[in-house]
Amino acid sequence: MSKSVNNEDQEIQNEAEELSATPVVEIDYQDKYQRALADYQNLVKQSARDKSDLIRYANEKLLSELLPVYDFLKISLAHSAENDPLVDGLKYVLQEFKKVLTNAQVSEIETTKKSFDFHKMEAVEMVATEDEALNDQVAKELQAGYMIFDKVVRPARVAVYKFDKLDKKEEV
């Protein structure tokens, strides 16, 4: 009888060990499930952001092809004679073009009286200056830059002042 009691005790101990091991397995599965669920939710959010960006910036390629035409129209207007009858028509076309760009959330990058911003501007020329306050300021805009929402479509091409400390005594 003692052998059967020992066997029963052994079986009870084995079952107790199995039961104590089961919650660890369940916790492991629950942890894996939560991680998989979090990964899935992050994937859904990322997909929604990607889709939103795709819709938002879908016109970027077309816009990059139309902007030179807009620039040429502005240059044409700047070089037209005031008494030319076509100037009024050109002004109207430019006005309508600007409305279309504004409706598409396209904005011109502001460069006048601004510090050089390498995120939005491309320096194509350096202009020496003896005024230290003008250092890294935009001297002139050579080509307009444009943004759609918060993304640069074409950087503004500018000339930038560079402080050049010239000592008159050293030049002699």
Protein backbone atom coordinates (compact mmCIF):
# COMPACT_ATOMS: atom_id res chain seq x y z
CA MET A 1 0.00 0.00 0.00
CA SER A 2 2.85 2.35 0.65
CA LYS A 3 3.98 1.82 -2.93
CA SER A 4 0.62 2.92 -4.24
CA VAL A 5 0.63 5.96 -1.92
CA ASN A 6 4.11 6.88 -3.19
CA ASN A 7 2.93 6.45 -6.79
CA GLU A 8 -0.12 8.57 -6.11
CA ASP A 9 2.04 11.21 -4.44
CA GLN A 10 4.38 11.10 -7.43
CA GLU A 11 1.47 11.45 -9.86
CA ILE A 12 0.03 14.36 -7.89
CA GLN A 13 3.41 16.03 -7.88
CA ASN A 14 3.76 15.54 -11.65
CA GLU A 15 0.30 16.94 -12.26
CA ALA A 16 1.05 19.92 -10.00
CA GLU A 17 4.22 20.63 -11.97
CA GLU A 18 2.29 20.42 -15.24
CA LEU A 19 -0.37 22.80 -13.94
CA SER A 20 2.23 25.27 -12.72
CA ALA A 21 3.91 25.16 -16.15
CA THR A 22 0.65 25.80 -18.02
CA PRO A 23 0.19 29.44 -16.94
CA VAL A 24 3.72 30.24 -18.16
CA VAL A 25 2.79 28.90 -21.58
CA GLU A 26 -0.47 30.89 -21.53
CA ILE A 27 1.40 34.05 -20.52
CA ASP A 28 3.87 33.44 -23.35
CA TYR A 29 1.02 33.04 -25.87
CA GLN A 30 -0.76 36.10 -24.48
CA ASP A 31 2.44 38.16 -24.76
CA LYS A 32 2.97 37.00 -28.35
CA TYR A 33 -0.66 37.80 -29.16
CA GLN A 34 -0.37 41.32 -27.73
CA ARG A 35 2.84 41.96 -29.65
CA ALA A 36 1.30 40.68 -32.88
CA LEU A 37 -1.78 42.84 -32.30
CA ALA A 38 0.38 45.93 -31.68
CA ASP A 39 2.40 45.22 -34.83
CA TYR A 40 -0.81 44.89 -36.83
CA GLN A 41 -2.21 48.16 -35.42
CA ASN A 42 1.05 49.95 -36.28
CA LEU A 43 0.89 48.53 -39.80
CA VAL A 44 -2.68 49.79 -40.22
CA LYS A 45 -1.65 53.28 -39.03
CA GLN A 46 1.40 53.35 -41.33
CA SER A 47 -0.71 52.23 -44.29
CA ALA A 48 -3.22 54.98 -43.59
CA ARG A 49 -0.42 57.57 -43.43
CA ASP A 50 1.10 56.28 -46.67
CA LYS A 51 -2.28 56.42 -48.42
CA SER A 52 -2.90 59.93 -47.14
CA ASP A 53 0.54 61.08 -48.35
CA LEU A 54 -0.02 59.44 -51.73
CA ILE A 55 -3.29 61.30 -52.19
CA ARG A 56 -1.82 64.53 -50.81
CA TYR A 57 1.23 64.58 -53.07
CA ALA A 58 -0.25 62.86 -56.13
CA ASN A 59 0.00 66.01 -58.24
CA GLU A 60 3.66 66.62 -57.46
CA LYS A 61 4.99 65.32 -60.79
CA LEU A 62 2.47 67.31 -62.83
CA LEU A 63 3.23 70.34 -60.72
CA SER A 64 6.98 70.05 -61.31
CA GLU A 65 6.29 70.11 -65.05
CA LEU A 66 3.89 73.09 -64.86
CA LEU A 67 6.03 75.32 -62.66
CA PRO A 68 8.51 76.25 -65.43
CA VAL A 69 5.57 77.39 -67.57
CA TYR A 70 4.34 79.55 -64.69
CA ASP A 71 7.85 80.99 -64.28
CA PHE A 72 8.07 81.79 -68.01
CA LEU A 73 4.73 83.60 -67.85
CA LYS A 74 5.99 85.69 -64.91
CA ILE A 75 9.20 86.52 -66.79
CA SER A 76 7.18 87.44 -69.89
CA LEU A 77 5.08 89.83 -67.85
CA ALA A 78 8.15 91.40 -66.26
CA HIS A 79 9.69 92.06 -69.69
CA SER A 80 6.52 93.26 -71.42
CA ALA A 81 5.85 96.86 -72.35
CA GLU A 82 3.10 98.48 -70.28
CA ASN A 83 1.24 99.77 -73.33
CA ASP A 84 1.10 96.33 -74.95
CA PRO A 85 -2.54 95.14 -75.17
CA LEU A 86 -1.48 91.55 -74.45
CA VAL A 87 -0.24 92.51 -70.97
CA ASP A 88 -3.76 92.57 -69.52
CA GLY A 89 -4.43 89.08 -70.88
CA LEU A 90 -1.10 87.84 -69.53
CA LYS A 91 -1.91 89.32 -66.09
CA TYR A 92 -5.26 87.54 -66.11
CA VAL A 93 -3.67 84.20 -67.09
CA LEU A 94 -1.10 84.57 -64.31
CA GLN A 95 -3.82 85.45 -61.81
CA GLU A 96 -5.84 82.35 -62.74
CA PHE A 97 -2.72 80.16 -62.71
CA LYS A 98 -1.92 81.42 -59.20
CA LYS A 99 -5.49 80.59 -58.06
CA VAL A 100 -5.11 77.03 -59.35
CA LEU A 101 -1.79 76.65 -57.54
CA THR A 102 -3.26 78.06 -54.32
CA ASN A 103 -6.24 75.69 -54.52
CA ALA A 104 -3.78 72.81 -54.91
CA GLN A 105 -2.05 73.98 -51.68
CA VAL A 106 1.05 75.10 -53.60
CA SER A 107 2.91 78.06 -52.17
CA GLU A 108 5.93 80.00 -53.31
CA ILE A 109 8.92 79.85 -50.98
CA GLU A 110 9.51 83.27 -49.47
CA THR A 111 13.12 84.38 -49.90
CA THR A 112 13.19 88.17 -49.70
CA LYS A 113 14.82 89.51 -46.53
CA LYS A 114 15.23 85.96 -45.20
CA SER A 115 18.17 83.99 -43.91
CA PHE A 116 19.39 81.22 -46.14
CA ASP A 117 17.49 77.98 -45.36
CA PHE A 118 19.15 74.96 -46.95
CA HIS A 119 15.94 72.94 -46.53
CA LYS A 120 14.07 75.23 -48.92
CA MET A 121 16.76 77.03 -50.89
CA GLU A 122 19.70 76.23 -53.12
CA ALA A 123 22.61 78.67 -53.09
CA VAL A 124 23.91 79.06 -56.64
CA GLU A 125 25.88 82.24 -56.14
CA MET A 126 27.80 83.94 -53.33
CA VAL A 127 27.88 87.71 -53.06
CA ALA A 128 30.67 89.22 -50.98
CA THR A 129 29.64 91.81 -48.42
CA GLU A 130 31.50 93.85 -45.83
CA ASP A 131 28.36 94.11 -43.67
CA GLU A 132 28.47 91.28 -41.15
CA ALA A 133 24.71 91.65 -40.48
CA LEU A 134 24.00 90.50 -44.05
CA ASN A 135 26.03 87.29 -43.70
CA ASP A 136 23.95 84.26 -44.84
CA GLN A 137 21.06 86.49 -45.96
CA VAL A 138 19.48 86.04 -49.38
CA ALA A 139 20.88 88.69 -51.73
CA LYS A 140 18.47 87.97 -54.60
CA GLU A 141 16.19 85.26 -55.87
CA LEU A 142 17.33 83.77 -59.15
CA GLN A 143 14.49 81.25 -59.53
CA ALA A 144 11.36 80.89 -57.41
CA GLY A 145 10.91 77.79 -55.31
CA TYR A 146 7.63 76.06 -54.50
CA MET A 147 6.15 73.86 -51.80
CA ILE A 148 3.08 71.65 -51.79
CA PHE A 149 1.73 71.50 -48.24
CA ASP A 150 4.97 71.14 -46.26
CA LYS A 151 7.05 69.40 -48.92
CA VAL A 152 9.49 71.24 -51.19
CA VAL A 153 8.70 70.59 -54.86
CA ARG A 154 11.48 72.78 -56.17
CA PRO A 155 13.95 74.68 -53.98
CA ALA A 156 14.37 78.39 -54.55
CA ARG A 157 17.64 79.20 -56.28
CA VAL A 158 19.22 82.19 -54.61
CA ALA A 159 22.33 84.30 -54.31
CA VAL A 160 23.56 84.51 -50.72
CA TYR A 161 25.61 87.19 -49.01
CA LYS A 162 28.90 86.01 -47.52
CA PHE A 163 30.74 88.23 -45.07
CA ASP A 164 34.17 89.01 -46.42
CA LYS A 165 36.29 90.81 -43.89
CA LEU A 166 38.71 92.71 -46.06
CA ASP A 167 41.41 94.60 -44.28
CA LYS A 168 42.33 97.60 -46.41
CA LYS A 169 45.87 97.62 -45.00
CA GLU A 170 46.55 94.04 -46.09
CA GLU A 171 45.55 94.74 -49.70
CA VAL A 172 48.25 97.40 -50.20
